[in-house]
Amino acid sequence: MNAYLIAAALGYVLGSIPFGYLLVRIFRGEDVRSSGSGNIGATNVARRSPTLGIATLLLDAGKGLAAVLIARSLFTTPQQQLLLTTAALFAIVGHLFPVWLRFRGGKGVATGLGSFALIAPKSILCAVAILVVVIAIFRFVSLGSVTAALTFPLLVWILHEYAEPGVLLLLATASVLIIWKHRENIGRVAAGTEPKVRSREAGKP
């Protein structure tokens, strides 16, 4: 079977593990989708339990990283970065649209950070810095997430962390998907109805 198909399938399966949903269900006996934003990501989980929110953040990032690491260990090709980026993109797709939850998943920020940490580490560090600064200034997690996603492909291009145009295309696709999943948040920010985070919550994607 084609290495890219295997990397994509592996990425999707790992990315689709709904850690936020599982943690809240196991430790609190609740469905995290029934409150707040209805999202299974770290921010919404943290509204129920800051500890579970941190755990969700780490696990969601970890599953993206795991998809890339496993793909790297299984295959060696002349276009290695493209293969790893394929695994990363589909880990994000799995998180956004998990088959286990009828394709109603999270928004992909933490999984994206973990997925691209090995592929474009300098750009990820810059994107995280942008995310933190925007949240600290404006107190909107969603605005920080969208800004980081929007600037990430540009950072990869500026810092020359790509081997070929196909990698940039996949990175841009991931960013567009993450931004699209935040479309309702963007509307609420524009309307002035998006909830702001408290100071102690700032910096959590």
Protein backbone atom coordinates (compact mmCIF):
# COMPACT_ATOMS: atom_id res chain seq x y z
CA MET A 1 0.00 0.00 0.00
CA ASN A 2 1.15 3.53 -0.73
CA ALA A 3 3.16 5.05 2.13
CA TYR A 4 1.18 8.28 1.92
CA LEU A 5 -2.12 6.45 2.29
CA ILE A 6 -0.83 4.58 5.32
CA ALA A 7 0.50 7.80 6.87
CA ALA A 8 -2.83 9.51 6.23
CA ALA A 9 -4.84 6.63 7.71
CA LEU A 10 -2.54 6.38 10.71
CA GLY A 11 -2.73 10.13 11.26
CA TYR A 12 -6.52 10.14 11.06
CA VAL A 13 -6.96 7.23 13.49
CA LEU A 14 -4.63 8.74 16.08
CA GLY A 15 -6.03 12.25 15.61
CA SER A 16 -9.59 11.04 16.01
CA ILE A 17 -9.05 9.82 19.59
CA PRO A 18 -11.33 12.26 21.48
CA PHE A 19 -9.29 12.73 24.63
CA GLY A 20 -11.28 15.71 25.89
CA TYR A 21 -14.55 13.84 25.58
CA LEU A 22 -13.11 10.70 27.18
CA LEU A 23 -11.51 12.48 30.13
CA VAL A 24 -14.65 14.40 31.07
CA ARG A 25 -16.78 11.29 30.61
CA ILE A 26 -14.46 9.12 32.74
CA PHE A 27 -13.64 11.54 35.57
CA ARG A 28 -16.81 13.64 35.76
CA GLY A 29 -19.44 11.41 34.17
CA GLU A 30 -20.50 14.19 31.82
CA ASP A 31 -20.59 14.91 28.12
CA VAL A 32 -18.32 17.92 27.52
CA ARG A 33 -20.24 18.67 24.32
CA SER A 34 -23.35 19.55 26.33
CA SER A 35 -21.93 22.76 27.80
CA GLY A 36 -19.90 25.81 26.91
CA SER A 37 -18.91 25.85 23.27
CA GLY A 38 -19.86 22.19 22.84
CA ASN A 39 -16.28 21.53 21.81
CA ILE A 40 -14.11 18.60 22.91
CA GLY A 41 -10.91 20.65 22.99
CA ALA A 42 -8.81 21.80 25.94
CA THR A 43 -10.43 25.23 26.35
CA ASN A 44 -13.94 23.85 26.77
CA VAL A 45 -12.74 20.96 28.93
CA ALA A 46 -10.94 23.46 31.18
CA ARG A 47 -14.28 25.12 31.90
CA ARG A 48 -15.27 21.89 33.64
CA SER A 49 -11.87 21.14 35.16
CA PRO A 50 -8.60 23.06 34.67
CA THR A 51 -6.65 19.86 35.39
CA LEU A 52 -8.52 17.91 32.74
CA GLY A 53 -8.10 20.87 30.39
CA ILE A 54 -4.32 20.70 30.74
CA ALA A 55 -4.39 16.93 30.29
CA THR A 56 -6.50 17.34 27.15
CA LEU A 57 -4.09 19.93 25.78
CA LEU A 58 -1.10 17.64 26.28
CA LEU A 59 -2.82 14.52 24.97
CA ASP A 60 -4.22 16.28 21.90
CA ALA A 61 -0.77 17.65 21.10
CA GLY A 62 0.75 14.25 21.83
CA LYS A 63 -1.45 12.35 19.41
CA GLY A 64 -0.42 14.70 16.59
CA LEU A 65 3.23 14.28 17.49
CA ALA A 66 2.78 10.50 17.72
CA ALA A 67 1.32 10.35 14.21
CA VAL A 68 4.40 12.07 12.79
CA LEU A 69 6.86 10.00 14.84
CA ILE A 70 5.27 6.71 13.83
CA ALA A 71 5.18 7.71 10.18
CA ARG A 72 8.85 8.65 10.39
CA SER A 73 9.74 5.32 11.97
CA LEU A 74 7.80 3.31 9.39
CA PHE A 75 8.89 4.97 6.18
CA THR A 76 11.95 6.56 4.65
CA THR A 77 11.38 8.28 1.31
CA PRO A 78 13.13 10.98 -0.76
CA GLN A 79 10.15 13.21 0.11
CA GLN A 80 10.20 12.51 3.81
CA GLN A 81 8.93 15.91 4.92
CA LEU A 82 5.96 15.63 2.57
CA LEU A 83 5.12 12.22 4.02
CA LEU A 84 5.34 13.50 7.59
CA THR A 85 3.24 16.54 6.74
CA THR A 86 0.60 14.21 5.30
CA ALA A 87 0.46 12.34 8.60
CA ALA A 88 0.26 15.65 10.47
CA LEU A 89 -2.55 17.02 8.31
CA PHE A 90 -4.66 13.91 8.72
CA ALA A 91 -4.08 13.85 12.48
CA ILE A 92 -5.65 17.32 12.50
CA VAL A 93 -8.47 16.15 10.22
CA GLY A 94 -9.09 13.25 12.60
CA HIS A 95 -9.33 15.62 15.54
CA LEU A 96 -11.66 17.96 13.68
CA PHE A 97 -13.90 15.19 12.33
CA PRO A 98 -13.63 12.06 14.52
CA VAL A 99 -15.69 9.18 13.21
CA TRP A 100 -16.35 8.05 16.81
CA LEU A 101 -18.28 11.25 17.61
CA ARG A 102 -20.17 11.52 14.31
CA PHE A 103 -17.48 13.84 12.94
CA ARG A 104 -18.08 16.47 15.62
CA GLY A 105 -14.64 17.13 17.03
CA GLY A 106 -12.40 19.88 18.28
CA LYS A 107 -10.79 22.85 16.57
CA GLY A 108 -7.34 21.44 15.97
CA VAL A 109 -5.01 23.94 17.63
CA ALA A 110 -3.29 21.65 20.14
CA THR A 111 -3.17 18.76 17.67
CA GLY A 112 -1.71 21.10 15.06
CA LEU A 113 0.99 22.27 17.45
CA GLY A 114 1.99 18.71 18.25
CA SER A 115 1.75 17.54 14.64
CA PHE A 116 4.08 20.19 13.25
CA ALA A 117 6.51 20.39 16.17
CA LEU A 118 9.04 18.12 14.44
CA ILE A 119 8.31 19.27 10.90
CA ALA A 120 8.71 23.02 11.44
CA PRO A 121 9.91 23.58 15.03
CA LYS A 122 11.03 27.19 14.62
CA SER A 123 7.75 28.19 13.02
CA ILE A 124 5.76 26.38 15.72
CA LEU A 125 7.65 28.26 18.45
CA CYS A 126 6.91 31.54 16.70
CA ALA A 127 3.24 30.59 16.26
CA VAL A 128 2.95 29.70 19.95
CA ALA A 129 4.50 33.05 20.86
CA ILE A 130 1.97 34.82 18.64
CA LEU A 131 -0.89 32.82 20.18
CA VAL A 132 0.18 33.68 23.72
CA VAL A 133 0.72 37.38 22.97
CA VAL A 134 -2.65 37.78 21.23
CA ILE A 135 -4.48 36.02 24.06
CA ALA A 136 -2.64 38.10 26.67
CA ILE A 137 -3.56 41.33 24.92
CA PHE A 138 -7.12 40.65 23.76
CA ARG A 139 -8.22 37.81 26.13
CA PHE A 140 -9.72 35.76 23.32
CA VAL A 141 -8.38 32.21 22.97
CA SER A 142 -10.10 31.92 19.60
CA LEU A 143 -8.46 35.09 18.26
CA GLY A 144 -5.03 33.87 19.35
CA SER A 145 -5.69 30.48 17.76
CA VAL A 146 -6.85 31.95 14.46
CA THR A 147 -3.95 34.40 14.32
CA ALA A 148 -1.43 31.63 14.98
CA ALA A 149 -3.02 29.38 12.34
CA LEU A 150 -3.13 32.22 9.83
CA THR A 151 0.52 33.14 10.25
CA PHE A 152 1.95 29.61 10.52
CA PRO A 153 2.34 28.83 6.77
CA LEU A 154 3.87 32.27 6.27
CA LEU A 155 6.35 31.61 9.07
CA VAL A 156 7.32 28.28 7.52
CA TRP A 157 7.93 30.06 4.22
CA ILE A 158 9.90 32.93 5.77
CA LEU A 159 12.03 30.60 7.89
CA HIS A 160 12.57 28.16 5.00
CA GLU A 161 11.34 25.15 6.93
CA TYR A 162 9.89 23.39 3.91
CA ALA A 163 11.52 21.16 1.33
CA GLU A 164 9.02 21.58 -1.50
CA PRO A 165 5.85 23.50 -2.41
CA GLY A 166 3.64 20.50 -1.60
CA VAL A 167 4.57 20.80 2.06
CA LEU A 168 3.46 24.44 2.13
CA LEU A 169 0.19 23.46 0.46
CA LEU A 170 -0.57 20.85 3.13
CA LEU A 171 0.38 23.27 5.90
CA ALA A 172 -1.89 25.92 4.43
CA THR A 173 -4.71 23.37 4.17
CA ALA A 174 -4.35 22.55 7.86
CA SER A 175 -4.42 26.25 8.74
CA VAL A 176 -7.54 26.85 6.63
CA LEU A 177 -9.33 23.95 8.32
CA ILE A 178 -8.46 25.25 11.79
CA ILE A 179 -9.59 28.76 10.89
CA TRP A 180 -12.80 27.39 9.38
CA LYS A 181 -13.56 25.50 12.59
CA HIS A 182 -13.29 28.84 14.40
CA ARG A 183 -15.76 30.60 12.09
CA GLU A 184 -18.43 30.95 14.79
CA ASN A 185 -15.86 32.33 17.23
CA ILE A 186 -14.72 34.84 14.62
CA GLY A 187 -18.32 35.98 14.21
CA ARG A 188 -18.74 36.38 17.96
CA VAL A 189 -15.48 38.32 18.27
CA ALA A 190 -16.67 40.67 15.53
CA ALA A 191 -20.04 41.04 17.27
CA GLY A 192 -18.46 41.57 20.69
CA THR A 193 -20.15 38.52 22.20
CA GLU A 194 -17.19 36.14 22.42
CA PRO A 195 -16.36 35.33 26.08
CA LYS A 196 -12.99 36.56 27.25
CA VAL A 197 -10.67 34.43 29.36
CA ARG A 198 -9.67 35.41 32.85
CA SER A 199 -6.03 36.32 33.44
CA ARG A 200 -5.12 32.94 34.91
CA GLU A 201 -6.56 31.20 31.83
CA ALA A 202 -4.62 33.23 29.30
CA GLY A 203 -2.21 31.24 27.18
CA LYS A 204 -4.19 27.99 27.05
CA PRO A 205 -5.01 27.00 23.42
